[in-house]
Structures are given as C-alpha cells and as structure tokens.
C-alpha cells in the first residue's frame, strides 16, 4: 500500500519465513516501524529475534525504530510473557494491557457481545475482553507443557507410535490436523506437527498433507463428514484416511485417555496450544463443574481423540521422515 504524494509504503508480509522478511528493502525512506498482529502465532522467540535484529541502522531526525506486537494473551506459556511482561523494567520496552472498554470503535452491539461473553463464557471474557493471561481454573487438561524437542530423536525411541487425526471445519470452525508420537511406556504424547486453519477446502487440506508428507499415513478423521473423507481418499490421494469411531460417550472416553498421558506440545503448534489453554469443563447453574466440557476450543482436541482411537487395538504404526 503506497501513499503517492510522499512515496511512503505499508508492506504486508506473513511470518512463515522470518529470514525472508529480513531481506525487505525500500527505495524511499527507511524501514523502521513493524506492526505484528496475532503475535502469539510467533511460536519461537528465535524467529522474533531474527526480525528484531534486522531493524537496524541510522534513521533521520524525528523517526525511531519500533516493533509493536498485538495479541490476545490466550496462554501464559508463550515466550512473550517472560520476555516483556515478567522481565525487569527495560527503557526500550513499553507494555500495556487494554480491555474492550478501551476500544472507542465498539458500538453497542459489540459491547453487548462482551457482556454476554462475561456471563456465558467467563474464561474467554477474561482473556479476550479484559486482557488477562489465560486462566487456569476449570481446565479439562492440566497435564501438558509447551516444549521444544527433537522430532527425529523422539521418533527413534523404542516403542513409539505415530498417530494422525483430522477434524473438519471451514468458515466458523477451523480444520485441525494433528501429528502425534505416543510413548505408551512412559505415558507421554508428543504433539509435533499439524495445521489449524479456517476456510480450507478438501483440496487444500489434501495439498497440505502432501506438502507435509503425511498423505500415505493412516489418518483418523471426523466421521460426521463421510463425503469429505471419501473426497480426500478417492479424489486427492489420501488413501489411508478412515472415519473415527464415534460411539456413546466417545468424547468423555477420549478425554479420559488423553488425561492418562503427559502431553508435550511443540511450540510450532500454536492452534493446539491455544485450545488446550482454553478447553474447560462446563458448569451447572450453581457454578459447579460438570463432567462435560464446553463445546468450543476443541477442534485440535477432537483430532487428537480420533488419532488415539487406535491405541490398545493391537495395531502398531510408525512414521518415517519424508
């Protein structure tokens, strides 16, 4: 986007390749201001450092170098919190927590939406409405951590099973794919890859699976979408995709199975991290937790449940890096 009278430009870039961003140059002026939306999706502090270290050099009088990060604090596990919010005061760092009350552009219907959120989903309200870091009380899963690990090293461990699950979405809900290593000896699930995106057609889902090298793997998918499963298998080469077994109480049984394991999530799986940080038990009218989870923030969770269905059925699965 360019302002023609002065030649000033706003450049839009994704963050899939941090090194690619550092090569951006401008013909007029200097590149000194960076604005990052949904900054929690930058899962590695090292990637941010690459960008931060590239904004260097002398700027003309009246200008300054500045990187602005905007995000909802879905999880206190993200690197942004210890680096900028928990660290000692730094003259080069300014942090500010705002609430929806600070947003002058909200109309009355927007404000009513937040008020409904306050009543019906207080956990989301505290994060999205009031800017508080992810609340812990009432989470379905507390047996997890975000941690970098060597995928090849885990893959080579004795008795490791590689399992894959897919939950379909589109506009309102994301499509979620998870790739897991399961260590049944030590009861550890390693979430090492996946995708979590809105607006994915079956064709695009298949393309991503091919790009990642999972097209030949056995993938357990949402049985509520039999046409999508057939489409992926028959038309797009995902030959070993099979429907999940959705029996009575399958959600609770799947949760129970996941709770038997310690879950280690690689930082490159932000969708999974966001969901497991927010997935909580429903409450009755007296405010007591029920045995049923709230039906949201569960797409990657559902994909994981599907993937784990094959545990204990006598099948052994392996995955070799493509």
C-alpha atoms as a PDB file:
ATOM      1  CA  UNK A   1       0.000   0.000   0.000  1.00  0.00           C
ATOM      2  CA  UNK A   2       1.507   3.349  -1.065  1.00  0.00           C
ATOM      3  CA  UNK A   3       0.784   6.993  -0.275  1.00  0.00           C
ATOM      4  CA  UNK A   4       1.704   8.510  -3.635  1.00  0.00           C
ATOM      5  CA  UNK A   5       2.410  12.144  -2.605  1.00  0.00           C
ATOM      6  CA  UNK A   6       5.317  11.038  -0.376  1.00  0.00           C
ATOM      7  CA  UNK A   7       6.101   7.542  -1.650  1.00  0.00           C
ATOM      8  CA  UNK A   8       5.555   6.066   1.820  1.00  0.00           C
ATOM      9  CA  UNK A   9       4.525   2.416   1.822  1.00  0.00           C
ATOM     10  CA  UNK A  10       2.909  -0.095   4.125  1.00  0.00           C
ATOM     11  CA  UNK A  11       4.259  -3.554   3.306  1.00  0.00           C
ATOM     12  CA  UNK A  12       2.229  -6.629   4.259  1.00  0.00           C
ATOM     13  CA  UNK A  13       4.094  -9.860   4.927  1.00  0.00           C
ATOM     14  CA  UNK A  14       3.431 -13.228   6.540  1.00  0.00           C
ATOM     15  CA  UNK A  15       5.780 -14.678   9.142  1.00  0.00           C
ATOM     16  CA  UNK A  16       6.157 -18.165   7.697  1.00  0.00           C
ATOM     17  CA  UNK A  17       9.762 -17.403   6.745  1.00  0.00           C
ATOM     18  CA  UNK A  18      11.392 -14.936   9.167  1.00  0.00           C
ATOM     19  CA  UNK A  19      14.595 -14.828   7.115  1.00  0.00           C
ATOM     20  CA  UNK A  20      12.599 -13.760   4.067  1.00  0.00           C
ATOM     21  CA  UNK A  21      11.253 -10.746   5.928  1.00  0.00           C
ATOM     22  CA  UNK A  22      14.736  -9.523   6.794  1.00  0.00           C
ATOM     23  CA  UNK A  23      15.556  -9.100   3.094  1.00  0.00           C
ATOM     24  CA  UNK A  24      12.837  -6.475   2.542  1.00  0.00           C
ATOM     25  CA  UNK A  25      14.193  -3.136   1.353  1.00  0.00           C
ATOM     26  CA  UNK A  26      12.585   0.179   0.416  1.00  0.00           C
ATOM     27  CA  UNK A  27      13.592   2.647  -2.304  1.00  0.00           C
ATOM     28  CA  UNK A  28      12.333   5.706  -0.428  1.00  0.00           C
ATOM     29  CA  UNK A  29      12.938   6.403   3.258  1.00  0.00           C
ATOM     30  CA  UNK A  30      13.830   3.753   5.818  1.00  0.00           C
ATOM     31  CA  UNK A  31      12.118   0.678   7.193  1.00  0.00           C
ATOM     32  CA  UNK A  32      11.800   1.371  10.918  1.00  0.00           C
ATOM     33  CA  UNK A  33       8.258   0.535  12.076  1.00  0.00           C
ATOM     34  CA  UNK A  34       6.891  -3.007  12.284  1.00  0.00           C
ATOM     35  CA  UNK A  35       3.361  -3.928  13.378  1.00  0.00           C
ATOM     36  CA  UNK A  36       2.644  -7.593  14.176  1.00  0.00           C
ATOM     37  CA  UNK A  37      -0.968  -8.769  14.518  1.00  0.00           C
ATOM     38  CA  UNK A  38      -1.778 -12.012  16.382  1.00  0.00           C
ATOM     39  CA  UNK A  39       1.775 -12.058  17.731  1.00  0.00           C
ATOM     40  CA  UNK A  40       1.090 -15.214  19.776  1.00  0.00           C
ATOM     41  CA  UNK A  41       1.369 -17.116  16.494  1.00  0.00           C
ATOM     42  CA  UNK A  42       5.112 -16.416  16.515  1.00  0.00           C
ATOM     43  CA  UNK A  43       5.881 -19.584  18.411  1.00  0.00           C
ATOM     44  CA  UNK A  44       9.672 -19.263  18.579  1.00  0.00           C
ATOM     45  CA  UNK A  45      11.426 -16.377  20.277  1.00  0.00           C
ATOM     46  CA  UNK A  46      14.384 -17.020  17.976  1.00  0.00           C
ATOM     47  CA  UNK A  47      12.213 -16.188  14.949  1.00  0.00           C
ATOM     48  CA  UNK A  48      11.222 -12.880  16.520  1.00  0.00           C
ATOM     49  CA  UNK A  49      14.872 -12.158  17.255  1.00  0.00           C
ATOM     50  CA  UNK A  50      15.710 -12.546  13.563  1.00  0.00           C
ATOM     51  CA  UNK A  51      13.219  -9.795  12.742  1.00  0.00           C
ATOM     52  CA  UNK A  52      14.181  -7.622  15.711  1.00  0.00           C
ATOM     53  CA  UNK A  53      17.859  -7.729  14.810  1.00  0.00           C
ATOM     54  CA  UNK A  54      17.133  -6.786  11.185  1.00  0.00           C
ATOM     55  CA  UNK A  55      15.567  -3.413  12.089  1.00  0.00           C
ATOM     56  CA  UNK A  56      18.880  -1.622  12.490  1.00  0.00           C
ATOM     57  CA  UNK A  57      20.722   1.436  11.232  1.00  0.00           C
ATOM     58  CA  UNK A  58      20.550   5.211  11.468  1.00  0.00           C
ATOM     59  CA  UNK A  59      17.154   6.850  10.979  1.00  0.00           C
ATOM     60  CA  UNK A  60      16.537  10.510  10.070  1.00  0.00           C
ATOM     61  CA  UNK A  61      15.730  13.031  12.845  1.00  0.00           C
ATOM     62  CA  UNK A  62      12.154  12.702  14.052  1.00  0.00           C
ATOM     63  CA  UNK A  63      11.933   8.972  13.327  1.00  0.00           C
ATOM     64  CA  UNK A  64      12.612   5.991  15.554  1.00  0.00           C
ATOM     65  CA  UNK A  65      12.726   2.221  15.333  1.00  0.00           C
ATOM     66  CA  UNK A  66       9.713   0.430  16.812  1.00  0.00           C
ATOM     67  CA  UNK A  67       8.173  -3.051  16.738  1.00  0.00           C
ATOM     68  CA  UNK A  68       4.593  -3.321  18.006  1.00  0.00           C
ATOM     69  CA  UNK A  69       3.118  -6.703  18.985  1.00  0.00           C
ATOM     70  CA  UNK A  70      -0.660  -7.072  19.266  1.00  0.00           C
ATOM     71  CA  UNK A  71      -2.262 -10.229  20.663  1.00  0.00           C
ATOM     72  CA  UNK A  72      -4.798 -11.778  22.997  1.00  0.00           C
ATOM     73  CA  UNK A  73      -2.962 -13.459  25.911  1.00  0.00           C
ATOM     74  CA  UNK A  74      -4.506 -16.896  25.401  1.00  0.00           C
ATOM     75  CA  UNK A  75      -1.742 -18.733  27.202  1.00  0.00           C
ATOM     76  CA  UNK A  76       0.842 -17.718  29.773  1.00  0.00           C
ATOM     77  CA  UNK A  77       3.137 -20.342  28.217  1.00  0.00           C
ATOM     78  CA  UNK A  78       4.104 -18.133  25.275  1.00  0.00           C
ATOM     79  CA  UNK A  79       7.603 -16.607  25.258  1.00  0.00           C
ATOM     80  CA  UNK A  80       6.199 -13.059  25.058  1.00  0.00           C
ATOM     81  CA  UNK A  81       5.158 -13.101  28.718  1.00  0.00           C
ATOM     82  CA  UNK A  82       8.531 -13.816  30.370  1.00  0.00           C
ATOM     83  CA  UNK A  83      10.431 -11.658  27.886  1.00  0.00           C
ATOM     84  CA  UNK A  84       8.341  -8.495  28.032  1.00  0.00           C
ATOM     85  CA  UNK A  85       5.865  -8.718  30.912  1.00  0.00           C
ATOM     86  CA  UNK A  86       7.748 -10.590  33.645  1.00  0.00           C
ATOM     87  CA  UNK A  87      11.222  -9.199  32.981  1.00  0.00           C
ATOM     88  CA  UNK A  88      12.785  -6.285  34.925  1.00  0.00           C
ATOM     89  CA  UNK A  89      11.963  -2.798  33.576  1.00  0.00           C
ATOM     90  CA  UNK A  90      13.671  -2.005  30.287  1.00  0.00           C
ATOM     91  CA  UNK A  91      13.828   1.569  28.922  1.00  0.00           C
ATOM     92  CA  UNK A  92      13.433   0.185  25.391  1.00  0.00           C
ATOM     93  CA  UNK A  93      10.282  -1.814  26.155  1.00  0.00           C
ATOM     94  CA  UNK A  94       6.760  -0.488  26.723  1.00  0.00           C
ATOM     95  CA  UNK A  95       3.944  -2.900  27.625  1.00  0.00           C
ATOM     96  CA  UNK A  96       0.288  -2.090  28.007  1.00  0.00           C
ATOM     97  CA  UNK A  97      -2.702  -4.279  28.763  1.00  0.00           C
ATOM     98  CA  UNK A  98      -6.008  -2.968  27.442  1.00  0.00           C
ATOM     99  CA  UNK A  99      -9.597  -4.153  27.781  1.00  0.00           C
ATOM    100  CA  UNK A 100     -12.548  -3.870  25.462  1.00  0.00           C
ATOM    101  CA  UNK A 101     -13.564  -0.770  27.430  1.00  0.00           C
ATOM    102  CA  UNK A 102     -10.572   0.997  25.835  1.00  0.00           C
ATOM    103  CA  UNK A 103     -11.787   0.370  22.291  1.00  0.00           C
ATOM    104  CA  UNK A 104     -13.530   3.516  21.093  1.00  0.00           C
ATOM    105  CA  UNK A 105     -14.647   1.824  17.878  1.00  0.00           C
ATOM    106  CA  UNK A 106     -17.007  -0.670  19.523  1.00  0.00           C
ATOM    107  CA  UNK A 107     -20.690   0.007  19.014  1.00  0.00           C
ATOM    108  CA  UNK A 108     -23.449  -1.017  21.403  1.00  0.00           C
ATOM    109  CA  UNK A 109     -23.923  -4.438  19.804  1.00  0.00           C
ATOM    110  CA  UNK A 110     -20.197  -5.147  20.277  1.00  0.00           C
ATOM    111  CA  UNK A 111     -20.434  -4.188  23.934  1.00  0.00           C
ATOM    112  CA  UNK A 112     -23.460  -6.443  24.403  1.00  0.00           C
ATOM    113  CA  UNK A 113     -21.454  -9.274  22.851  1.00  0.00           C
ATOM    114  CA  UNK A 114     -18.758  -8.865  25.503  1.00  0.00           C
ATOM    115  CA  UNK A 115     -21.388  -8.697  28.233  1.00  0.00           C
ATOM    116  CA  UNK A 116     -22.871 -11.994  27.024  1.00  0.00           C
ATOM    117  CA  UNK A 117     -19.356 -13.420  26.959  1.00  0.00           C
ATOM    118  CA  UNK A 118     -18.859 -12.298  30.558  1.00  0.00           C
ATOM    119  CA  UNK A 119     -21.932 -14.265  31.621  1.00  0.00           C
ATOM    120  CA  UNK A 120     -21.751 -17.308  29.334  1.00  0.00           C
ATOM    121  CA  UNK A 121     -18.013 -17.797  28.907  1.00  0.00           C
ATOM    122  CA  UNK A 122     -16.150 -16.020  31.710  1.00  0.00           C
ATOM    123  CA  UNK A 123     -12.841 -17.665  30.847  1.00  0.00           C
ATOM    124  CA  UNK A 124     -12.815 -16.294  27.317  1.00  0.00           C
ATOM    125  CA  UNK A 125     -14.070 -12.951  28.613  1.00  0.00           C
ATOM    126  CA  UNK A 126     -11.125 -12.612  30.993  1.00  0.00           C
ATOM    127  CA  UNK A 127      -8.695 -13.124  28.104  1.00  0.00           C
ATOM    128  CA  UNK A 128     -10.396 -11.586  25.045  1.00  0.00           C
ATOM    129  CA  UNK A 129     -12.335  -8.929  26.933  1.00  0.00           C
ATOM    130  CA  UNK A 130     -10.168  -7.982  29.889  1.00  0.00           C
ATOM    131  CA  UNK A 131      -6.683  -8.831  28.621  1.00  0.00           C
ATOM    132  CA  UNK A 132      -5.785 -11.227  31.430  1.00  0.00           C
ATOM    133  CA  UNK A 133      -3.392 -14.102  30.827  1.00  0.00           C
ATOM    134  CA  UNK A 134      -5.022 -17.498  30.320  1.00  0.00           C
ATOM    135  CA  UNK A 135      -6.985 -18.509  33.402  1.00  0.00           C
ATOM    136  CA  UNK A 136      -6.175 -21.952  34.832  1.00  0.00           C
ATOM    137  CA  UNK A 137      -9.273 -22.798  36.874  1.00  0.00           C
ATOM    138  CA  UNK A 138     -11.557 -25.427  35.370  1.00  0.00           C
ATOM    139  CA  UNK A 139      -9.338 -26.596  32.523  1.00  0.00           C
ATOM    140  CA  UNK A 140     -10.041 -30.079  31.195  1.00  0.00           C
ATOM    141  CA  UNK A 141      -6.316 -30.735  30.761  1.00  0.00           C
ATOM    142  CA  UNK A 142      -3.623 -29.688  33.190  1.00  0.00           C
ATOM    143  CA  UNK A 143      -1.204 -32.464  32.215  1.00  0.00           C
ATOM    144  CA  UNK A 144       0.605 -30.570  29.465  1.00  0.00           C
ATOM    145  CA  UNK A 145       3.537 -28.324  28.684  1.00  0.00           C
ATOM    146  CA  UNK A 146       4.931 -26.417  25.725  1.00  0.00           C
ATOM    147  CA  UNK A 147       8.455 -27.573  24.992  1.00  0.00           C
ATOM    148  CA  UNK A 148      10.772 -27.808  22.003  1.00  0.00           C
ATOM    149  CA  UNK A 149      12.010 -31.317  21.259  1.00  0.00           C
ATOM    150  CA  UNK A 150      13.924 -33.088  18.519  1.00  0.00           C
ATOM    151  CA  UNK A 151      11.320 -34.850  16.374  1.00  0.00           C
ATOM    152  CA  UNK A 152      13.842 -37.294  14.897  1.00  0.00           C
ATOM    153  CA  UNK A 153      15.149 -38.181  18.335  1.00  0.00           C
ATOM    154  CA  UNK A 154      11.668 -38.951  19.681  1.00  0.00           C
ATOM    155  CA  UNK A 155      10.760 -40.903  16.534  1.00  0.00           C
ATOM    156  CA  UNK A 156      13.695 -43.265  17.076  1.00  0.00           C
ATOM    157  CA  UNK A 157      12.753 -44.149  20.653  1.00  0.00           C
ATOM    158  CA  UNK A 158      11.724 -47.743  21.255  1.00  0.00           C
ATOM    159  CA  UNK A 159       8.001 -48.418  21.115  1.00  0.00           C
ATOM    160  CA  UNK A 160       6.987 -45.017  19.734  1.00  0.00           C
ATOM    161  CA  UNK A 161       3.772 -44.886  17.708  1.00  0.00           C
ATOM    162  CA  UNK A 162       2.982 -42.139  15.215  1.00  0.00           C
ATOM    163  CA  UNK A 163      -0.727 -41.291  15.046  1.00  0.00           C
ATOM    164  CA  UNK A 164      -2.639 -38.738  12.987  1.00  0.00           C
ATOM    165  CA  UNK A 165      -6.075 -37.136  13.356  1.00  0.00           C
ATOM    166  CA  UNK A 166      -8.205 -34.695  11.361  1.00  0.00           C
ATOM    167  CA  UNK A 167     -11.231 -32.627  12.370  1.00  0.00           C
ATOM    168  CA  UNK A 168     -13.115 -30.849   9.579  1.00  0.00           C
ATOM    169  CA  UNK A 169     -14.157 -27.218   9.722  1.00  0.00           C
ATOM    170  CA  UNK A 170     -14.496 -24.365   7.287  1.00  0.00           C
ATOM    171  CA  UNK A 171     -15.746 -20.825   7.893  1.00  0.00           C
ATOM    172  CA  UNK A 172     -16.875 -20.704  11.520  1.00  0.00           C
ATOM    173  CA  UNK A 173     -14.667 -23.502  12.835  1.00  0.00           C
ATOM    174  CA  UNK A 174     -11.090 -24.319  11.821  1.00  0.00           C
ATOM    175  CA  UNK A 175      -9.961 -27.529  10.208  1.00  0.00           C
ATOM    176  CA  UNK A 176      -7.464 -29.134  12.576  1.00  0.00           C
ATOM    177  CA  UNK A 177      -4.894 -31.812  11.806  1.00  0.00           C
ATOM    178  CA  UNK A 178      -2.573 -33.235  14.457  1.00  0.00           C
ATOM    179  CA  UNK A 179       0.522 -35.409  14.195  1.00  0.00           C
ATOM    180  CA  UNK A 180       1.455 -37.211  17.405  1.00  0.00           C
ATOM    181  CA  UNK A 181       4.096 -39.500  18.784  1.00  0.00           C
ATOM    182  CA  UNK A 182       2.802 -41.713  21.590  1.00  0.00           C
ATOM    183  CA  UNK A 183       5.143 -43.233  24.141  1.00  0.00           C
ATOM    184  CA  UNK A 184       2.995 -45.890  25.807  1.00  0.00           C
ATOM    185  CA  UNK A 185       5.820 -46.992  28.086  1.00  0.00           C
ATOM    186  CA  UNK A 186       6.272 -43.604  29.744  1.00  0.00           C
ATOM    187  CA  UNK A 187       2.741 -42.345  29.036  1.00  0.00           C
ATOM    188  CA  UNK A 188       3.761 -39.292  27.024  1.00  0.00           C
ATOM    189  CA  UNK A 189       2.067 -37.780  23.972  1.00  0.00           C
ATOM    190  CA  UNK A 190       4.291 -35.580  21.801  1.00  0.00           C
ATOM    191  CA  UNK A 191       2.351 -33.175  19.565  1.00  0.00           C
ATOM    192  CA  UNK A 192       4.936 -32.464  16.868  1.00  0.00           C
ATOM    193  CA  UNK A 193       3.085 -31.100  13.837  1.00  0.00           C
ATOM    194  CA  UNK A 194      -0.262 -30.178  12.344  1.00  0.00           C
ATOM    195  CA  UNK A 195      -2.297 -27.323  10.945  1.00  0.00           C
ATOM    196  CA  UNK A 196      -5.171 -25.250  12.312  1.00  0.00           C
ATOM    197  CA  UNK A 197      -6.837 -23.005   9.747  1.00  0.00           C
ATOM    198  CA  UNK A 198     -10.194 -21.609   8.672  1.00  0.00           C
ATOM    199  CA  UNK A 199     -11.520 -21.737   5.133  1.00  0.00           C
ATOM    200  CA  UNK A 200      -9.705 -24.869   3.975  1.00  0.00           C
ATOM    201  CA  UNK A 201     -11.336 -26.806   1.149  1.00  0.00           C
ATOM    202  CA  UNK A 202     -10.830 -30.558   0.945  1.00  0.00           C
ATOM    203  CA  UNK A 203      -8.460 -29.945  -1.944  1.00  0.00           C
ATOM    204  CA  UNK A 204      -6.353 -27.570   0.135  1.00  0.00           C
ATOM    205  CA  UNK A 205      -6.343 -29.978   3.105  1.00  0.00           C
ATOM    206  CA  UNK A 206      -5.015 -32.678   0.783  1.00  0.00           C
ATOM    207  CA  UNK A 207      -2.384 -30.313  -0.613  1.00  0.00           C
ATOM    208  CA  UNK A 208      -1.104 -29.511   2.875  1.00  0.00           C
ATOM    209  CA  UNK A 209      -0.993 -33.202   3.811  1.00  0.00           C
ATOM    210  CA  UNK A 210       1.018 -33.908   0.655  1.00  0.00           C
ATOM    211  CA  UNK A 211       3.327 -30.950   1.339  1.00  0.00           C
ATOM    212  CA  UNK A 212       3.989 -32.214   4.854  1.00  0.00           C
ATOM    213  CA  UNK A 213       4.491 -35.792   3.679  1.00  0.00           C
ATOM    214  CA  UNK A 214       1.549 -37.374   5.537  1.00  0.00           C
ATOM    215  CA  UNK A 215      -0.509 -38.456   2.508  1.00  0.00           C
ATOM    216  CA  UNK A 216       0.364 -42.143   2.992  1.00  0.00           C
ATOM    217  CA  UNK A 217      -0.295 -42.252   6.726  1.00  0.00           C
ATOM    218  CA  UNK A 218      -3.349 -43.703   8.411  1.00  0.00           C
ATOM    219  CA  UNK A 219      -5.409 -40.657   9.415  1.00  0.00           C
ATOM    220  CA  UNK A 220      -8.450 -40.881  11.661  1.00  0.00           C
ATOM    221  CA  UNK A 221     -10.952 -38.212  10.593  1.00  0.00           C
ATOM    222  CA  UNK A 222     -14.267 -36.826  11.786  1.00  0.00           C
ATOM    223  CA  UNK A 223     -16.903 -39.430  10.881  1.00  0.00           C
ATOM    224  CA  UNK A 224     -19.583 -36.713  10.721  1.00  0.00           C
ATOM    225  CA  UNK A 225     -18.084 -35.765   7.326  1.00  0.00           C
ATOM    226  CA  UNK A 226     -18.193 -39.016   5.288  1.00  0.00           C
ATOM    227  CA  UNK A 227     -18.311 -37.137   1.961  1.00  0.00           C
ATOM    228  CA  UNK A 228     -15.166 -35.217   2.853  1.00  0.00           C
ATOM    229  CA  UNK A 229     -13.407 -38.435   3.836  1.00  0.00           C
ATOM    230  CA  UNK A 230     -14.412 -40.072   0.539  1.00  0.00           C
ATOM    231  CA  UNK A 231     -13.340 -36.952  -1.363  1.00  0.00           C
ATOM    232  CA  UNK A 232      -9.898 -36.896   0.243  1.00  0.00           C
ATOM    233  CA  UNK A 233      -9.393 -40.628  -0.301  1.00  0.00           C
ATOM    234  CA  UNK A 234     -10.827 -41.093  -3.791  1.00  0.00           C
ATOM    235  CA  UNK A 235     -10.023 -37.761  -5.459  1.00  0.00           C
ATOM    236  CA  UNK A 236      -6.984 -36.347  -3.687  1.00  0.00           C
ATOM    237  CA  UNK A 237      -4.796 -39.343  -2.885  1.00  0.00           C
ATOM    238  CA  UNK A 238      -5.172 -39.536   0.907  1.00  0.00           C
ATOM    239  CA  UNK A 239      -5.594 -43.301   0.586  1.00  0.00           C
ATOM    240  CA  UNK A 240      -5.477 -44.393   4.218  1.00  0.00           C
ATOM    241  CA  UNK A 241      -7.882 -41.890   5.739  1.00  0.00           C
ATOM    242  CA  UNK A 242     -10.579 -43.623   7.819  1.00  0.00           C
ATOM    243  CA  UNK A 243     -13.537 -42.379   9.876  1.00  0.00           C
ATOM    244  CA  UNK A 244     -13.310 -42.097  13.633  1.00  0.00           C
ATOM    245  CA  UNK A 245     -15.454 -44.389  15.765  1.00  0.00           C
ATOM    246  CA  UNK A 246     -17.951 -42.053  17.416  1.00  0.00           C
ATOM    247  CA  UNK A 247     -19.716 -44.259  19.913  1.00  0.00           C
ATOM    248  CA  UNK A 248     -21.666 -43.410  23.079  1.00  0.00           C
ATOM    249  CA  UNK A 249     -19.690 -41.105  25.388  1.00  0.00           C
ATOM    250  CA  UNK A 250     -16.827 -41.052  22.877  1.00  0.00           C
ATOM    251  CA  UNK A 251     -15.892 -37.506  23.880  1.00  0.00           C
ATOM    252  CA  UNK A 252     -15.543 -38.384  27.546  1.00  0.00           C
ATOM    253  CA  UNK A 253     -13.730 -41.643  26.797  1.00  0.00           C
ATOM    254  CA  UNK A 254     -11.306 -39.772  24.554  1.00  0.00           C
ATOM    255  CA  UNK A 255     -10.692 -37.147  27.232  1.00  0.00           C
ATOM    256  CA  UNK A 256     -10.060 -39.867  29.816  1.00  0.00           C
ATOM    257  CA  UNK A 257      -7.489 -41.457  27.519  1.00  0.00           C
ATOM    258  CA  UNK A 258      -5.720 -38.130  26.932  1.00  0.00           C
ATOM    259  CA  UNK A 259      -5.663 -37.450  30.667  1.00  0.00           C
ATOM    260  CA  UNK A 260      -3.729 -40.683  31.218  1.00  0.00           C
ATOM    261  CA  UNK A 261      -0.758 -39.149  29.391  1.00  0.00           C
ATOM    262  CA  UNK A 262       1.535 -36.204  29.893  1.00  0.00           C
ATOM    263  CA  UNK A 263       1.185 -34.057  26.770  1.00  0.00           C
ATOM    264  CA  UNK A 264       4.248 -32.287  25.373  1.00  0.00           C
ATOM    265  CA  UNK A 265       3.396 -29.746  22.672  1.00  0.00           C
ATOM    266  CA  UNK A 266       5.970 -28.412  20.243  1.00  0.00           C
ATOM    267  CA  UNK A 267       5.863 -24.577  20.040  1.00  0.00           C
ATOM    268  CA  UNK A 268       5.208 -24.793  16.304  1.00  0.00           C
ATOM    269  CA  UNK A 269       1.642 -25.976  17.066  1.00  0.00           C
ATOM    270  CA  UNK A 270       0.012 -22.703  18.251  1.00  0.00           C
ATOM    271  CA  UNK A 271      -3.544 -23.814  17.451  1.00  0.00           C
ATOM    272  CA  UNK A 272      -3.195 -26.815  19.752  1.00  0.00           C
ATOM    273  CA  UNK A 273      -1.637 -24.655  22.477  1.00  0.00           C
ATOM    274  CA  UNK A 274      -4.457 -22.141  22.263  1.00  0.00           C
ATOM    275  CA  UNK A 275      -7.151 -24.800  22.515  1.00  0.00           C
ATOM    276  CA  UNK A 276      -5.681 -26.781  25.387  1.00  0.00           C
ATOM    277  CA  UNK A 277      -5.209 -23.474  27.236  1.00  0.00           C
ATOM    278  CA  UNK A 278      -8.940 -22.720  26.919  1.00  0.00           C
ATOM    279  CA  UNK A 279     -10.735 -26.094  26.882  1.00  0.00           C
ATOM    280  CA  UNK A 280     -12.694 -26.232  30.120  1.00  0.00           C
ATOM    281  CA  UNK A 281     -15.473 -28.053  31.929  1.00  0.00           C
ATOM    282  CA  UNK A 282     -18.992 -26.706  31.740  1.00  0.00           C
ATOM    283  CA  UNK A 283     -20.677 -25.502  34.924  1.00  0.00           C
ATOM    284  CA  UNK A 284     -24.167 -26.146  36.217  1.00  0.00           C
ATOM    285  CA  UNK A 285     -26.496 -23.354  37.359  1.00  0.00           C
ATOM    286  CA  UNK A 286     -24.826 -23.405  40.768  1.00  0.00           C
ATOM    287  CA  UNK A 287     -21.375 -22.783  39.305  1.00  0.00           C
ATOM    288  CA  UNK A 288     -20.124 -26.321  39.896  1.00  0.00           C
ATOM    289  CA  UNK A 289     -18.082 -28.122  37.259  1.00  0.00           C
ATOM    290  CA  UNK A 290     -19.929 -30.847  35.383  1.00  0.00           C
ATOM    291  CA  UNK A 291     -18.488 -33.926  33.729  1.00  0.00           C
ATOM    292  CA  UNK A 292     -18.970 -32.419  30.281  1.00  0.00           C
ATOM    293  CA  UNK A 293     -16.624 -29.995  28.523  1.00  0.00           C
ATOM    294  CA  UNK A 294     -17.824 -26.789  26.900  1.00  0.00           C
ATOM    295  CA  UNK A 295     -18.265 -27.426  23.181  1.00  0.00           C
ATOM    296  CA  UNK A 296     -15.653 -24.960  21.921  1.00  0.00           C
ATOM    297  CA  UNK A 297     -11.864 -24.736  21.617  1.00  0.00           C
ATOM    298  CA  UNK A 298     -11.912 -28.447  20.825  1.00  0.00           C
ATOM    299  CA  UNK A 299     -11.042 -28.966  17.164  1.00  0.00           C
ATOM    300  CA  UNK A 300      -7.399 -29.947  17.635  1.00  0.00           C
ATOM    301  CA  UNK A 301      -8.522 -31.764  20.786  1.00  0.00           C
ATOM    302  CA  UNK A 302     -11.095 -33.733  18.781  1.00  0.00           C
ATOM    303  CA  UNK A 303      -8.497 -34.567  16.132  1.00  0.00           C
ATOM    304  CA  UNK A 304      -6.278 -35.901  18.916  1.00  0.00           C
ATOM    305  CA  UNK A 305      -9.096 -38.050  20.293  1.00  0.00           C
ATOM    306  CA  UNK A 306      -9.628 -39.541  16.847  1.00  0.00           C
ATOM    307  CA  UNK A 307      -5.926 -40.269  16.431  1.00  0.00           C
ATOM    308  CA  UNK A 308      -5.738 -42.036  19.788  1.00  0.00           C
ATOM    309  CA  UNK A 309      -8.601 -44.417  18.999  1.00  0.00           C
ATOM    310  CA  UNK A 310      -6.161 -46.983  17.603  1.00  0.00           C
ATOM    311  CA  UNK A 311      -4.217 -47.278  20.846  1.00  0.00           C
ATOM    312  CA  UNK A 312      -4.774 -50.628  22.512  1.00  0.00           C
ATOM    313  CA  UNK A 313      -6.232 -52.238  19.374  1.00  0.00           C
ATOM    314  CA  UNK A 314      -3.176 -54.285  18.541  1.00  0.00           C
ATOM    315  CA  UNK A 315      -2.091 -52.066  15.676  1.00  0.00           C
ATOM    316  CA  UNK A 316       1.375 -50.546  15.607  1.00  0.00           C
ATOM    317  CA  UNK A 317       2.166 -47.538  13.496  1.00  0.00           C
ATOM    318  CA  UNK A 318       5.416 -45.940  12.505  1.00  0.00           C
ATOM    319  CA  UNK A 319       6.259 -42.791  10.661  1.00  0.00           C
ATOM    320  CA  UNK A 320       9.416 -42.153   8.715  1.00  0.00           C
ATOM    321  CA  UNK A 321      10.547 -38.647   7.916  1.00  0.00           C
ATOM    322  CA  UNK A 322       9.956 -37.948   4.240  1.00  0.00           C
END
